[in-house]
Structures are given as structure tokens and as C-alpha cells.
Amino acid sequence: MEPTKVFELFNPKKVVLRKERSESDYRFLSAEIDENGDLVIDGQDLGGGVDSAFGCSEYEWSWTVRAKHIGQLKIALGSRGNILRTLKKRFSDQKAAGLYEFLQKSKVPFEGWSRIGD
């Protein structure tokens, strides 16, 4: 394996936390470190589950933890390692649903937006 690929394996710039597709729904959640060093978590839910909750078929959101607060997030997670690998280990698949609540309870400052609509 190329040295760059090995480095990216252990120090990824982006991870997918959830990517689920069913007959009527699609759920996606990713986390990445952007060019400013900020942690950006993006999500999108499509389909019947969203429709039954909100009356439309699409919900998308983004949460950003600024670079200056990532150390605080690592402490809250109990990790000194790569933040993206830690998030993937702790909040993948069904556990992804707990990430927002964790961010709120940890009191790590983050900014967010969401959009509901077709």
C-alpha cells in the first residue's frame, strides 16, 4: 500500500458515520476536518420516515465544532487520538443518532443549521 494511503487510513480527513438505504428511506451522516481545521458533521435523511415526522421527504443538517474547541471535544470523548476515528468508533451506524445529544451534553461549543423541506 502507498504511504499516503496508509497515512489516510490512520488519519482520515473524512469518515462516514451512517449510510443506510431501505426501500423507503435513506440516511447519511459524515464527519470531516475542513481546510480551517474545523470539524464539520453533515447529515441528510430522505424518505418516508422524514415524511411521517415532518410532512416532507427531506431533512438535512450540519454541525460545526471550530478548530479551537476540538481539544475540548476530545476530552469529552475520552480520547487523545484522531478525532474522526474516535467519532467513527463511538457514533457509527445506529449509534449515530446519539451524536447530537452527546454534543449538547458535553457542552462543547458548536454551530449548526438544519433544513426541512422538499
N, C-alpha and C. Protein backbone atom coordinates (compact mmCIF):
# COMPACT_ATOMS: atom_id res chain seq x y z
N MET A 1 0.84 -1.17 0.00
CA MET A 1 0.00 0.00 0.00
C MET A 1 0.89 1.24 0.00
N GLU A 2 0.47 2.27 -0.75
CA GLU A 2 1.22 3.52 -0.82
C GLU A 2 1.27 4.19 0.56
N PRO A 3 2.39 4.86 0.88
CA PRO A 3 2.49 5.54 2.17
C PRO A 3 1.35 6.53 2.42
N THR A 4 0.92 7.25 1.38
CA THR A 4 -0.18 8.21 1.53
C THR A 4 -1.46 7.51 1.94
N LYS A 5 -1.73 6.35 1.34
CA LYS A 5 -2.95 5.60 1.66
C LYS A 5 -2.90 5.09 3.11
N VAL A 6 -1.73 4.64 3.54
CA VAL A 6 -1.57 4.17 4.92
C VAL A 6 -1.81 5.33 5.89
N PHE A 7 -1.23 6.49 5.59
CA PHE A 7 -1.43 7.67 6.44
C PHE A 7 -2.90 8.03 6.53
N GLU A 8 -3.61 8.04 5.39
CA GLU A 8 -5.03 8.39 5.37
C GLU A 8 -5.88 7.36 6.12
N LEU A 9 -5.44 6.12 6.12
CA LEU A 9 -6.17 5.07 6.85
C LEU A 9 -6.16 5.37 8.35
N PHE A 10 -5.02 5.82 8.86
CA PHE A 10 -4.89 6.09 10.29
C PHE A 10 -5.21 7.53 10.67
N ASN A 11 -5.20 8.42 9.69
CA ASN A 11 -5.50 9.83 9.92
C ASN A 11 -6.44 10.35 8.84
N PRO A 12 -7.66 9.84 8.80
CA PRO A 12 -8.58 10.24 7.73
C PRO A 12 -8.97 11.71 7.86
N LYS A 13 -9.34 12.31 6.74
CA LYS A 13 -9.85 13.68 6.74
C LYS A 13 -11.37 13.67 6.73
N LYS A 14 -11.96 12.51 6.40
CA LYS A 14 -13.42 12.38 6.37
C LYS A 14 -13.79 10.94 6.68
N VAL A 15 -14.87 10.77 7.45
CA VAL A 15 -15.40 9.43 7.75
C VAL A 15 -16.92 9.46 7.55
N VAL A 16 -17.45 8.33 7.14
CA VAL A 16 -18.89 8.16 7.03
C VAL A 16 -19.35 7.44 8.30
N LEU A 17 -20.24 8.08 9.02
CA LEU A 17 -20.75 7.50 10.26
C LEU A 17 -22.00 6.67 10.02
N ARG A 18 -22.78 7.06 9.05
CA ARG A 18 -24.01 6.32 8.75
C ARG A 18 -24.33 6.46 7.26
N LYS A 19 -24.63 5.35 6.66
CA LYS A 19 -25.09 5.33 5.27
C LYS A 19 -26.01 4.14 5.14
N GLU A 20 -27.30 4.41 5.27
CA GLU A 20 -28.30 3.35 5.27
C GLU A 20 -29.34 3.62 4.20
N ARG A 21 -29.70 2.59 3.50
CA ARG A 21 -30.74 2.70 2.50
C ARG A 21 -31.72 1.55 2.71
N SER A 22 -32.98 1.90 2.77
CA SER A 22 -34.03 0.88 2.82
C SER A 22 -34.95 1.12 1.63
N GLU A 23 -36.02 0.37 1.58
CA GLU A 23 -36.96 0.52 0.47
C GLU A 23 -37.55 1.93 0.42
N SER A 24 -37.76 2.55 1.58
CA SER A 24 -38.42 3.85 1.60
C SER A 24 -37.59 5.00 2.19
N ASP A 25 -36.40 4.71 2.71
CA ASP A 25 -35.62 5.75 3.39
C ASP A 25 -34.14 5.70 3.03
N TYR A 26 -33.49 6.84 3.23
CA TYR A 26 -32.04 6.95 3.09
C TYR A 26 -31.54 7.84 4.22
N ARG A 27 -30.49 7.40 4.91
CA ARG A 27 -29.89 8.17 6.00
C ARG A 27 -28.39 8.24 5.78
N PHE A 28 -27.85 9.45 5.94
CA PHE A 28 -26.42 9.64 5.73
C PHE A 28 -25.89 10.62 6.77
N LEU A 29 -24.71 10.32 7.31
CA LEU A 29 -24.04 11.21 8.25
C LEU A 29 -22.54 11.06 8.07
N SER A 30 -21.84 12.17 7.90
CA SER A 30 -20.39 12.14 7.75
C SER A 30 -19.75 13.19 8.65
N ALA A 31 -18.47 13.02 8.89
CA ALA A 31 -17.69 13.98 9.67
C ALA A 31 -16.37 14.20 8.96
N GLU A 32 -15.95 15.45 8.89
CA GLU A 32 -14.67 15.74 8.24
C GLU A 32 -14.01 16.94 8.88
N ILE A 33 -12.72 17.01 8.69
CA ILE A 33 -11.96 18.18 9.10
C ILE A 33 -11.79 19.04 7.85
N ASP A 34 -12.29 20.28 7.89
CA ASP A 34 -12.21 21.13 6.70
C ASP A 34 -10.86 21.85 6.63
N GLU A 35 -10.72 22.71 5.62
CA GLU A 35 -9.45 23.40 5.38
C GLU A 35 -9.06 24.34 6.52
N ASN A 36 -10.02 24.74 7.37
CA ASN A 36 -9.72 25.60 8.52
C ASN A 36 -9.38 24.81 9.78
N GLY A 37 -9.48 23.48 9.68
CA GLY A 37 -9.24 22.64 10.85
C GLY A 37 -10.49 22.42 11.68
N ASP A 38 -11.64 22.91 11.20
CA ASP A 38 -12.91 22.73 11.91
C ASP A 38 -13.46 21.34 11.64
N LEU A 39 -14.17 20.81 12.60
CA LEU A 39 -14.87 19.54 12.44
C LEU A 39 -16.27 19.86 11.93
N VAL A 40 -16.62 19.31 10.76
CA VAL A 40 -17.93 19.55 10.16
C VAL A 40 -18.66 18.21 10.05
N ILE A 41 -19.83 18.15 10.64
CA ILE A 41 -20.66 16.95 10.61
C ILE A 41 -21.89 17.27 9.78
N ASP A 42 -22.08 16.53 8.69
CA ASP A 42 -23.20 16.76 7.77
C ASP A 42 -24.10 15.55 7.74
N GLY A 43 -25.41 15.79 7.72
CA GLY A 43 -26.37 14.70 7.66
C GLY A 43 -27.51 14.99 6.72
N GLN A 44 -28.11 13.92 6.24
CA GLN A 44 -29.29 14.02 5.38
C GLN A 44 -30.14 12.77 5.57
N ASP A 45 -31.43 12.98 5.76
CA ASP A 45 -32.41 11.90 5.82
C ASP A 45 -33.44 12.17 4.73
N LEU A 46 -33.78 11.13 4.00
CA LEU A 46 -34.77 11.24 2.92
C LEU A 46 -35.78 10.11 3.05
N GLY A 47 -37.01 10.38 2.67
CA GLY A 47 -37.98 9.30 2.55
C GLY A 47 -39.15 9.34 3.51
N GLY A 48 -39.76 8.18 3.64
CA GLY A 48 -41.00 8.03 4.41
C GLY A 48 -40.87 8.36 5.88
N GLY A 49 -39.76 8.01 6.50
CA GLY A 49 -39.57 8.32 7.92
C GLY A 49 -39.58 9.81 8.17
N VAL A 50 -38.94 10.56 7.30
CA VAL A 50 -38.93 12.02 7.42
C VAL A 50 -40.34 12.56 7.16
N ASP A 51 -41.00 12.00 6.16
CA ASP A 51 -42.36 12.44 5.82
C ASP A 51 -43.32 12.24 6.99
N SER A 52 -43.22 11.10 7.66
CA SER A 52 -44.12 10.85 8.78
C SER A 52 -43.81 11.76 9.97
N ALA A 53 -42.56 12.19 10.12
CA ALA A 53 -42.19 13.08 11.23
C ALA A 53 -42.43 14.55 10.92
N PHE A 54 -42.16 14.96 9.67
CA PHE A 54 -42.18 16.39 9.34
C PHE A 54 -43.14 16.79 8.22
N GLY A 55 -43.74 15.81 7.54
CA GLY A 55 -44.66 16.14 6.46
C GLY A 55 -43.99 16.50 5.15
N CYS A 56 -42.72 16.18 5.02
CA CYS A 56 -41.99 16.37 3.77
C CYS A 56 -40.93 15.26 3.72
N SER A 57 -40.26 15.12 2.60
CA SER A 57 -39.41 13.94 2.45
C SER A 57 -37.91 14.19 2.64
N GLU A 58 -37.50 15.41 3.00
CA GLU A 58 -36.07 15.66 3.16
C GLU A 58 -35.78 16.49 4.40
N TYR A 59 -34.73 16.06 5.11
CA TYR A 59 -34.22 16.78 6.27
C TYR A 59 -32.71 16.73 6.17
N GLU A 60 -32.07 17.88 6.22
CA GLU A 60 -30.61 17.93 6.20
C GLU A 60 -30.11 18.89 7.25
N TRP A 61 -28.88 18.67 7.71
CA TRP A 61 -28.32 19.47 8.78
C TRP A 61 -26.81 19.44 8.72
N SER A 62 -26.22 20.39 9.46
CA SER A 62 -24.76 20.44 9.60
C SER A 62 -24.43 21.02 10.97
N TRP A 63 -23.44 20.44 11.61
CA TRP A 63 -22.93 20.94 12.88
C TRP A 63 -21.43 21.16 12.73
N THR A 64 -20.93 22.28 13.24
CA THR A 64 -19.51 22.59 13.13
C THR A 64 -18.93 22.85 14.51
N VAL A 65 -17.86 22.12 14.82
CA VAL A 65 -17.07 22.37 16.02
C VAL A 65 -15.80 23.06 15.52
N ARG A 66 -15.63 24.31 15.92
CA ARG A 66 -14.46 25.07 15.47
C ARG A 66 -13.17 24.42 15.97
N ALA A 67 -12.11 24.62 15.20
CA ALA A 67 -10.80 24.01 15.50
C ALA A 67 -10.37 24.27 16.94
N LYS A 68 -10.63 25.48 17.44
CA LYS A 68 -10.18 25.82 18.80
C LYS A 68 -10.91 25.01 19.88
N HIS A 69 -12.03 24.34 19.54
CA HIS A 69 -12.78 23.55 20.51
C HIS A 69 -12.63 22.04 20.34
N ILE A 70 -11.85 21.62 19.34
CA ILE A 70 -11.70 20.18 19.10
C ILE A 70 -11.01 19.49 20.28
N GLY A 71 -10.04 20.14 20.90
CA GLY A 71 -9.39 19.57 22.08
C GLY A 71 -10.39 19.31 23.20
N GLN A 72 -11.32 20.22 23.39
CA GLN A 72 -12.38 20.06 24.39
C GLN A 72 -13.27 18.87 24.03
N LEU A 73 -13.56 18.70 22.74
CA LEU A 73 -14.36 17.57 22.30
C LEU A 73 -13.62 16.26 22.54
N LYS A 74 -12.33 16.24 22.27
CA LYS A 74 -11.53 15.03 22.53
C LYS A 74 -11.60 14.64 24.01
N ILE A 75 -11.51 15.63 24.88
CA ILE A 75 -11.60 15.36 26.32
C ILE A 75 -12.97 14.78 26.65
N ALA A 76 -14.03 15.36 26.10
CA ALA A 76 -15.38 14.86 26.35
C ALA A 76 -15.54 13.42 25.86
N LEU A 77 -14.88 13.11 24.76
CA LEU A 77 -14.93 11.75 24.21
C LEU A 77 -14.00 10.79 24.93
N GLY A 78 -13.09 11.33 25.77
CA GLY A 78 -12.13 10.49 26.47
C GLY A 78 -11.08 9.92 25.53
N SER A 79 -10.66 10.73 24.55
CA SER A 79 -9.72 10.25 23.54
C SER A 79 -8.63 11.27 23.28
N ARG A 80 -7.43 10.77 23.07
CA ARG A 80 -6.32 11.64 22.66
C ARG A 80 -5.97 11.41 21.19
N GLY A 81 -6.61 10.43 20.57
CA GLY A 81 -6.29 10.06 19.20
C GLY A 81 -6.98 10.91 18.16
N ASN A 82 -7.00 10.41 16.95
CA ASN A 82 -7.62 11.08 15.82
C ASN A 82 -9.12 11.24 16.08
N ILE A 83 -9.60 12.48 16.01
CA ILE A 83 -10.99 12.77 16.35
C ILE A 83 -11.97 12.05 15.42
N LEU A 84 -11.64 11.95 14.15
CA LEU A 84 -12.55 11.29 13.21
C LEU A 84 -12.64 9.79 13.47
N ARG A 85 -11.52 9.17 13.74
CA ARG A 85 -11.54 7.73 14.07
C ARG A 85 -12.31 7.48 15.35
N THR A 86 -12.16 8.39 16.32
CA THR A 86 -12.88 8.26 17.58
C THR A 86 -14.39 8.39 17.35
N LEU A 87 -14.79 9.38 16.56
CA LEU A 87 -16.21 9.55 16.27
C LEU A 87 -16.77 8.35 15.54
N LYS A 88 -16.01 7.81 14.59
CA LYS A 88 -16.48 6.64 13.84
C LYS A 88 -16.67 5.44 14.77
N LYS A 89 -15.74 5.27 15.68
CA LYS A 89 -15.84 4.14 16.61
C LYS A 89 -17.04 4.30 17.55
N ARG A 90 -17.28 5.51 17.99
CA ARG A 90 -18.31 5.74 19.01
C ARG A 90 -19.71 6.02 18.45
N PHE A 91 -19.79 6.60 17.23
CA PHE A 91 -21.08 7.05 16.71
C PHE A 91 -21.39 6.55 15.30
N SER A 92 -21.02 5.33 14.99
CA SER A 92 -21.35 4.76 13.68
C SER A 92 -22.69 4.06 13.69
N ASP A 93 -23.25 3.95 12.51
CA ASP A 93 -24.48 3.20 12.26
C ASP A 93 -25.61 3.67 13.19
N GLN A 94 -26.25 2.78 13.91
CA GLN A 94 -27.39 3.15 14.76
C GLN A 94 -26.97 4.12 15.88
N LYS A 95 -25.72 4.04 16.31
CA LYS A 95 -25.24 4.93 17.39
C LYS A 95 -25.11 6.37 16.91
N ALA A 96 -25.17 6.60 15.60
CA ALA A 96 -25.07 7.96 15.06
C ALA A 96 -26.18 8.85 15.60
N ALA A 97 -27.32 8.27 15.89
CA ALA A 97 -28.46 9.04 16.40
C ALA A 97 -28.15 9.73 17.73
N GLY A 98 -27.16 9.26 18.47
CA GLY A 98 -26.82 9.84 19.76
C GLY A 98 -25.80 10.96 19.70
N LEU A 99 -25.28 11.26 18.52
CA LEU A 99 -24.21 12.26 18.42
C LEU A 99 -24.67 13.66 18.81
N TYR A 100 -25.82 14.09 18.34
CA TYR A 100 -26.30 15.44 18.67
C TYR A 100 -26.49 15.60 20.18
N GLU A 101 -27.13 14.64 20.80
CA GLU A 101 -27.33 14.70 22.24
C GLU A 101 -25.99 14.73 22.98
N PHE A 102 -25.02 13.94 22.51
CA PHE A 102 -23.69 13.95 23.12
C PHE A 102 -23.07 15.34 23.02
N LEU A 103 -23.15 15.96 21.84
CA LEU A 103 -22.57 17.30 21.67
C LEU A 103 -23.22 18.29 22.63
N GLN A 104 -24.52 18.21 22.77
CA GLN A 104 -25.21 19.12 23.69
C GLN A 104 -24.80 18.88 25.14
N LYS A 105 -24.78 17.64 25.56
CA LYS A 105 -24.44 17.31 26.95
C LYS A 105 -22.98 17.60 27.28
N SER A 106 -22.11 17.47 26.28
CA SER A 106 -20.68 17.68 26.53
C SER A 106 -20.34 19.16 26.73
N LYS A 107 -21.26 20.04 26.34
CA LYS A 107 -21.07 21.49 26.45
C LYS A 107 -19.91 22.00 25.59
N VAL A 108 -19.52 21.20 24.59
CA VAL A 108 -18.53 21.67 23.62
C VAL A 108 -19.26 22.61 22.67
N PRO A 109 -18.77 23.85 22.50
CA PRO A 109 -19.47 24.78 21.61
C PRO A 109 -19.49 24.25 20.17
N PHE A 110 -20.66 24.34 19.55
CA PHE A 110 -20.78 24.00 18.13
C PHE A 110 -21.88 24.85 17.52
N GLU A 111 -21.78 25.03 16.23
CA GLU A 111 -22.76 25.80 15.47
C GLU A 111 -23.50 24.83 14.57
N GLY A 112 -24.73 25.14 14.26
CA GLY A 112 -25.48 24.25 13.40
C GLY A 112 -26.57 24.94 12.63
N TRP A 113 -27.02 24.25 11.63
CA TRP A 113 -28.19 24.67 10.87
C TRP A 113 -28.91 23.41 10.41
N SER A 114 -30.17 23.57 10.07
CA SER A 114 -30.93 22.45 9.50
C SER A 114 -31.96 23.00 8.54
N ARG A 115 -32.41 22.12 7.66
CA ARG A 115 -33.41 22.49 6.68
C ARG A 115 -34.36 21.32 6.52
N ILE A 116 -35.63 21.61 6.59
CA ILE A 116 -36.66 20.60 6.37
C ILE A 116 -37.47 21.05 5.16
N GLY A 117 -37.63 20.18 4.20
CA GLY A 117 -38.45 20.52 3.04
C GLY A 117 -38.02 19.75 1.81
N ASP A 118 -38.90 19.74 0.84
CA ASP A 118 -38.63 19.03 -0.41
C ASP A 118 -37.94 19.92 -1.41
